[in-house]
Amino acid sequence: MSAHHHAVVWVDHDEARIFQIEAATPSRIVLHSHVSLQRLHHRENPDPRAPPPVDKQFYDRIAAALDHTGGTLITGPGNAKYELDAYLRQHRPSLATLVNAENLRVHPGDAALMAIAASRFPVVA
C-alpha cells in the first residue's frame, strides 16, 4: 500500500475497527482483543471494577494494520484510544507522529466513522 492513504480507528478494549481511506475504495478491518475474550471466561483479577490489562498483542496488530498510512485518527470511548496512542509512541514512534486522538463517547456506525474520516482527511484522487 502507498503512504498516501489515511486511516480512522475506532477502538475500545474489545474491538478495533480500522478504515483505510484511499482514493478508490476504503477498506475495513475488524480486530478483536484476545485479553477481552479471555476475561469473559476467566478473570485473574477478582475486582470487576479493575481496568482490563493492556493487550499489547492487540495494539501491535492494530499498529501493523496502520503501517504505511499518511495519517491516522484514533477514536472511541474510554481509555483504549489513549493506551493505543501511548503504545504507538513507545513501540512505533514513526506511526505515532501521524496520529491524532479524538474522544467519541458514542459508538458510531461505519458510515459515521467514514464521515469523520472524510472531514479530517480529504480524499486525494
C-alpha atoms as a PDB file:
ATOM      1  CA  MET A   1       0.000   0.000   0.000  1.00  0.00           C
ATOM      2  CA  SER A   2       1.085   3.506  -0.632  1.00  0.00           C
ATOM      3  CA  ALA A   3       1.802   6.026   2.092  1.00  0.00           C
ATOM      4  CA  HIS A   4      -0.881   8.276   0.613  1.00  0.00           C
ATOM      5  CA  HIS A   5      -3.865   6.799   2.385  1.00  0.00           C
ATOM      6  CA  HIS A   6      -5.179   7.703   5.800  1.00  0.00           C
ATOM      7  CA  ALA A   7      -6.932   5.678   8.463  1.00  0.00           C
ATOM      8  CA  VAL A   8      -9.553   6.146  11.123  1.00  0.00           C
ATOM      9  CA  VAL A   9      -9.603   3.722  14.050  1.00  0.00           C
ATOM     10  CA  TRP A  10     -12.474   3.201  16.460  1.00  0.00           C
ATOM     11  CA  VAL A  11     -11.092   1.255  19.400  1.00  0.00           C
ATOM     12  CA  ASP A  12     -12.249   0.044  22.787  1.00  0.00           C
ATOM     13  CA  HIS A  13     -10.827  -2.749  24.940  1.00  0.00           C
ATOM     14  CA  ASP A  14     -12.754  -5.380  22.982  1.00  0.00           C
ATOM     15  CA  GLU A  15     -12.508  -4.384  19.337  1.00  0.00           C
ATOM     16  CA  ALA A  16     -10.814  -2.134  16.824  1.00  0.00           C
ATOM     17  CA  ARG A  17     -12.474  -1.085  13.581  1.00  0.00           C
ATOM     18  CA  ILE A  18      -9.913   0.305  11.159  1.00  0.00           C
ATOM     19  CA  PHE A  19     -10.880   2.087   7.964  1.00  0.00           C
ATOM     20  CA  GLN A  20      -8.122   2.724   5.456  1.00  0.00           C
ATOM     21  CA  ILE A  21      -9.204   5.567   3.239  1.00  0.00           C
ATOM     22  CA  GLU A  22      -7.789   5.557  -0.256  1.00  0.00           C
ATOM     23  CA  ALA A  23      -8.771   7.375  -3.429  1.00  0.00           C
ATOM     24  CA  ALA A  24     -10.665   4.434  -4.932  1.00  0.00           C
ATOM     25  CA  THR A  25     -12.225   2.282  -2.227  1.00  0.00           C
ATOM     26  CA  PRO A  26     -11.953   2.434   1.564  1.00  0.00           C
ATOM     27  CA  SER A  27     -11.217  -0.847   3.291  1.00  0.00           C
ATOM     28  CA  ARG A  28     -12.414  -2.031   6.680  1.00  0.00           C
ATOM     29  CA  ILE A  29     -10.534  -4.246   9.119  1.00  0.00           C
ATOM     30  CA  VAL A  30     -12.001  -5.510  12.409  1.00  0.00           C
ATOM     31  CA  LEU A  31      -9.642  -6.822  15.084  1.00  0.00           C
ATOM     32  CA  HIS A  32     -10.608  -8.330  18.445  1.00  0.00           C
ATOM     33  CA  SER A  33      -8.690  -8.279  21.703  1.00  0.00           C
ATOM     34  CA  HIS A  34      -7.669 -11.706  22.980  1.00  0.00           C
ATOM     35  CA  VAL A  35      -7.438 -10.408  26.548  1.00  0.00           C
ATOM     36  CA  SER A  36     -11.010  -9.172  26.343  1.00  0.00           C
ATOM     37  CA  LEU A  37     -12.230 -12.572  25.169  1.00  0.00           C
ATOM     38  CA  GLN A  38     -10.258 -14.357  27.897  1.00  0.00           C
ATOM     39  CA  ARG A  39     -11.690 -12.019  30.508  1.00  0.00           C
ATOM     40  CA  LEU A  40     -15.166 -13.290  29.687  1.00  0.00           C
ATOM     41  CA  HIS A  41     -14.186 -16.831  30.707  1.00  0.00           C
ATOM     42  CA  HIS A  42     -11.505 -16.423  33.340  1.00  0.00           C
ATOM     43  CA  ARG A  43     -10.870 -13.349  35.403  1.00  0.00           C
ATOM     44  CA  GLU A  44      -7.449 -13.297  37.040  1.00  0.00           C
ATOM     45  CA  ASN A  45      -8.293 -10.152  38.942  1.00  0.00           C
ATOM     46  CA  PRO A  46     -11.402 -10.718  41.087  1.00  0.00           C
ATOM     47  CA  ASP A  47     -12.194  -6.973  41.217  1.00  0.00           C
ATOM     48  CA  PRO A  48     -14.710  -6.338  38.397  1.00  0.00           C
ATOM     49  CA  ARG A  49     -14.024  -2.585  38.617  1.00  0.00           C
ATOM     50  CA  ALA A  50     -10.336  -3.066  37.814  1.00  0.00           C
ATOM     51  CA  PRO A  51      -9.351  -1.912  34.332  1.00  0.00           C
ATOM     52  CA  PRO A  52      -8.609  -4.649  31.851  1.00  0.00           C
ATOM     53  CA  PRO A  53      -4.951  -5.483  31.324  1.00  0.00           C
ATOM     54  CA  VAL A  54      -3.272  -3.830  28.359  1.00  0.00           C
ATOM     55  CA  ASP A  55      -3.369  -6.226  25.424  1.00  0.00           C
ATOM     56  CA  LYS A  56      -0.039  -5.473  23.763  1.00  0.00           C
ATOM     57  CA  GLN A  57      -0.620  -8.062  21.032  1.00  0.00           C
ATOM     58  CA  PHE A  58      -3.930  -6.364  20.174  1.00  0.00           C
ATOM     59  CA  TYR A  59      -2.236  -2.970  19.886  1.00  0.00           C
ATOM     60  CA  ASP A  60       0.597  -4.480  17.855  1.00  0.00           C
ATOM     61  CA  ARG A  61      -1.911  -5.948  15.372  1.00  0.00           C
ATOM     62  CA  ILE A  62      -3.575  -2.536  15.101  1.00  0.00           C
ATOM     63  CA  ALA A  63      -0.178  -0.898  14.510  1.00  0.00           C
ATOM     64  CA  ALA A  64       0.597  -3.427  11.772  1.00  0.00           C
ATOM     65  CA  ALA A  65      -2.682  -2.514  10.047  1.00  0.00           C
ATOM     66  CA  LEU A  66      -1.665   1.154  10.186  1.00  0.00           C
ATOM     67  CA  ASP A  67       1.714   0.679   8.506  1.00  0.00           C
ATOM     68  CA  HIS A  68       2.195   2.973   5.521  1.00  0.00           C
ATOM     69  CA  THR A  69      -0.548   5.429   6.460  1.00  0.00           C
ATOM     70  CA  GLY A  70      -0.097   9.112   5.852  1.00  0.00           C
ATOM     71  CA  GLY A  71      -2.133   9.976   8.949  1.00  0.00           C
ATOM     72  CA  THR A  72      -4.425   8.281  11.447  1.00  0.00           C
ATOM     73  CA  LEU A  73      -7.330   9.419  13.590  1.00  0.00           C
ATOM     74  CA  ILE A  74      -7.957   7.279  16.688  1.00  0.00           C
ATOM     75  CA  THR A  75     -11.449   7.473  18.157  1.00  0.00           C
ATOM     76  CA  GLY A  76     -13.522   5.576  20.667  1.00  0.00           C
ATOM     77  CA  PRO A  77     -14.850   5.677  24.205  1.00  0.00           C
ATOM     78  CA  GLY A  78     -12.803   5.275  27.352  1.00  0.00           C
ATOM     79  CA  ASN A  79      -9.059   4.857  27.683  1.00  0.00           C
ATOM     80  CA  ALA A  80      -8.290   2.358  24.914  1.00  0.00           C
ATOM     81  CA  LYS A  81      -7.548   5.094  22.370  1.00  0.00           C
ATOM     82  CA  TYR A  82      -5.076   6.702  24.771  1.00  0.00           C
ATOM     83  CA  GLU A  83      -3.485   3.328  25.536  1.00  0.00           C
ATOM     84  CA  LEU A  84      -3.113   2.695  21.801  1.00  0.00           C
ATOM     85  CA  ASP A  85      -1.592   6.150  21.332  1.00  0.00           C
ATOM     86  CA  ALA A  86       0.871   5.522  24.196  1.00  0.00           C
ATOM     87  CA  TYR A  87       1.712   2.075  22.777  1.00  0.00           C
ATOM     88  CA  LEU A  88       2.463   3.610  19.382  1.00  0.00           C
ATOM     89  CA  ARG A  89       4.626   6.334  20.942  1.00  0.00           C
ATOM     90  CA  GLN A  90       6.666   3.720  22.781  1.00  0.00           C
ATOM     91  CA  HIS A  91       6.859   0.922  20.192  1.00  0.00           C
ATOM     92  CA  ARG A  92       6.158   2.580  16.831  1.00  0.00           C
ATOM     93  CA  PRO A  93       7.241   6.238  17.097  1.00  0.00           C
ATOM     94  CA  SER A  94       7.204   6.743  13.328  1.00  0.00           C
ATOM     95  CA  LEU A  95       3.489   5.880  13.296  1.00  0.00           C
ATOM     96  CA  ALA A  96       2.792   7.878  16.451  1.00  0.00           C
ATOM     97  CA  THR A  97       3.864  11.128  14.807  1.00  0.00           C
ATOM     98  CA  LEU A  98       0.986  10.714  12.326  1.00  0.00           C
ATOM     99  CA  VAL A  99      -1.742  10.087  14.942  1.00  0.00           C
ATOM    100  CA  ASN A 100      -4.466  12.303  16.353  1.00  0.00           C
ATOM    101  CA  ALA A 101      -6.819  11.074  19.089  1.00  0.00           C
ATOM    102  CA  GLU A 102     -10.389  12.244  19.482  1.00  0.00           C
ATOM    103  CA  ASN A 103     -12.829  11.358  22.238  1.00  0.00           C
ATOM    104  CA  LEU A 104     -16.105   9.923  20.985  1.00  0.00           C
ATOM    105  CA  ARG A 105     -18.477   8.817  23.717  1.00  0.00           C
ATOM    106  CA  VAL A 106     -20.900   7.206  21.309  1.00  0.00           C
ATOM    107  CA  HIS A 107     -20.430   4.039  19.281  1.00  0.00           C
ATOM    108  CA  PRO A 108     -20.810   5.407  15.736  1.00  0.00           C
ATOM    109  CA  GLY A 109     -21.704   3.212  12.832  1.00  0.00           C
ATOM    110  CA  ASP A 110     -19.362   2.644   9.933  1.00  0.00           C
ATOM    111  CA  ALA A 111     -20.927   5.433   7.851  1.00  0.00           C
ATOM    112  CA  ALA A 112     -20.439   7.942  10.693  1.00  0.00           C
ATOM    113  CA  LEU A 113     -16.792   6.907  11.061  1.00  0.00           C
ATOM    114  CA  MET A 114     -16.258   7.357   7.348  1.00  0.00           C
ATOM    115  CA  ALA A 115     -17.834  10.829   7.567  1.00  0.00           C
ATOM    116  CA  ILE A 116     -15.471  11.725  10.422  1.00  0.00           C
ATOM    117  CA  ALA A 117     -12.535  10.443   8.376  1.00  0.00           C
ATOM    118  CA  ALA A 118     -13.659  12.399   5.305  1.00  0.00           C
ATOM    119  CA  SER A 119     -13.821  15.603   7.351  1.00  0.00           C
ATOM    120  CA  ARG A 120     -10.271  15.063   8.666  1.00  0.00           C
ATOM    121  CA  PHE A 121      -8.609  13.610   5.593  1.00  0.00           C
ATOM    122  CA  PRO A 122      -9.986  14.783   2.249  1.00  0.00           C
ATOM    123  CA  VAL A 123      -9.551  12.025  -0.330  1.00  0.00           C
ATOM    124  CA  VAL A 124      -6.952  12.850  -2.946  1.00  0.00           C
ATOM    125  CA  ALA A 125      -7.694  11.297  -6.322  1.00  0.00           C
END
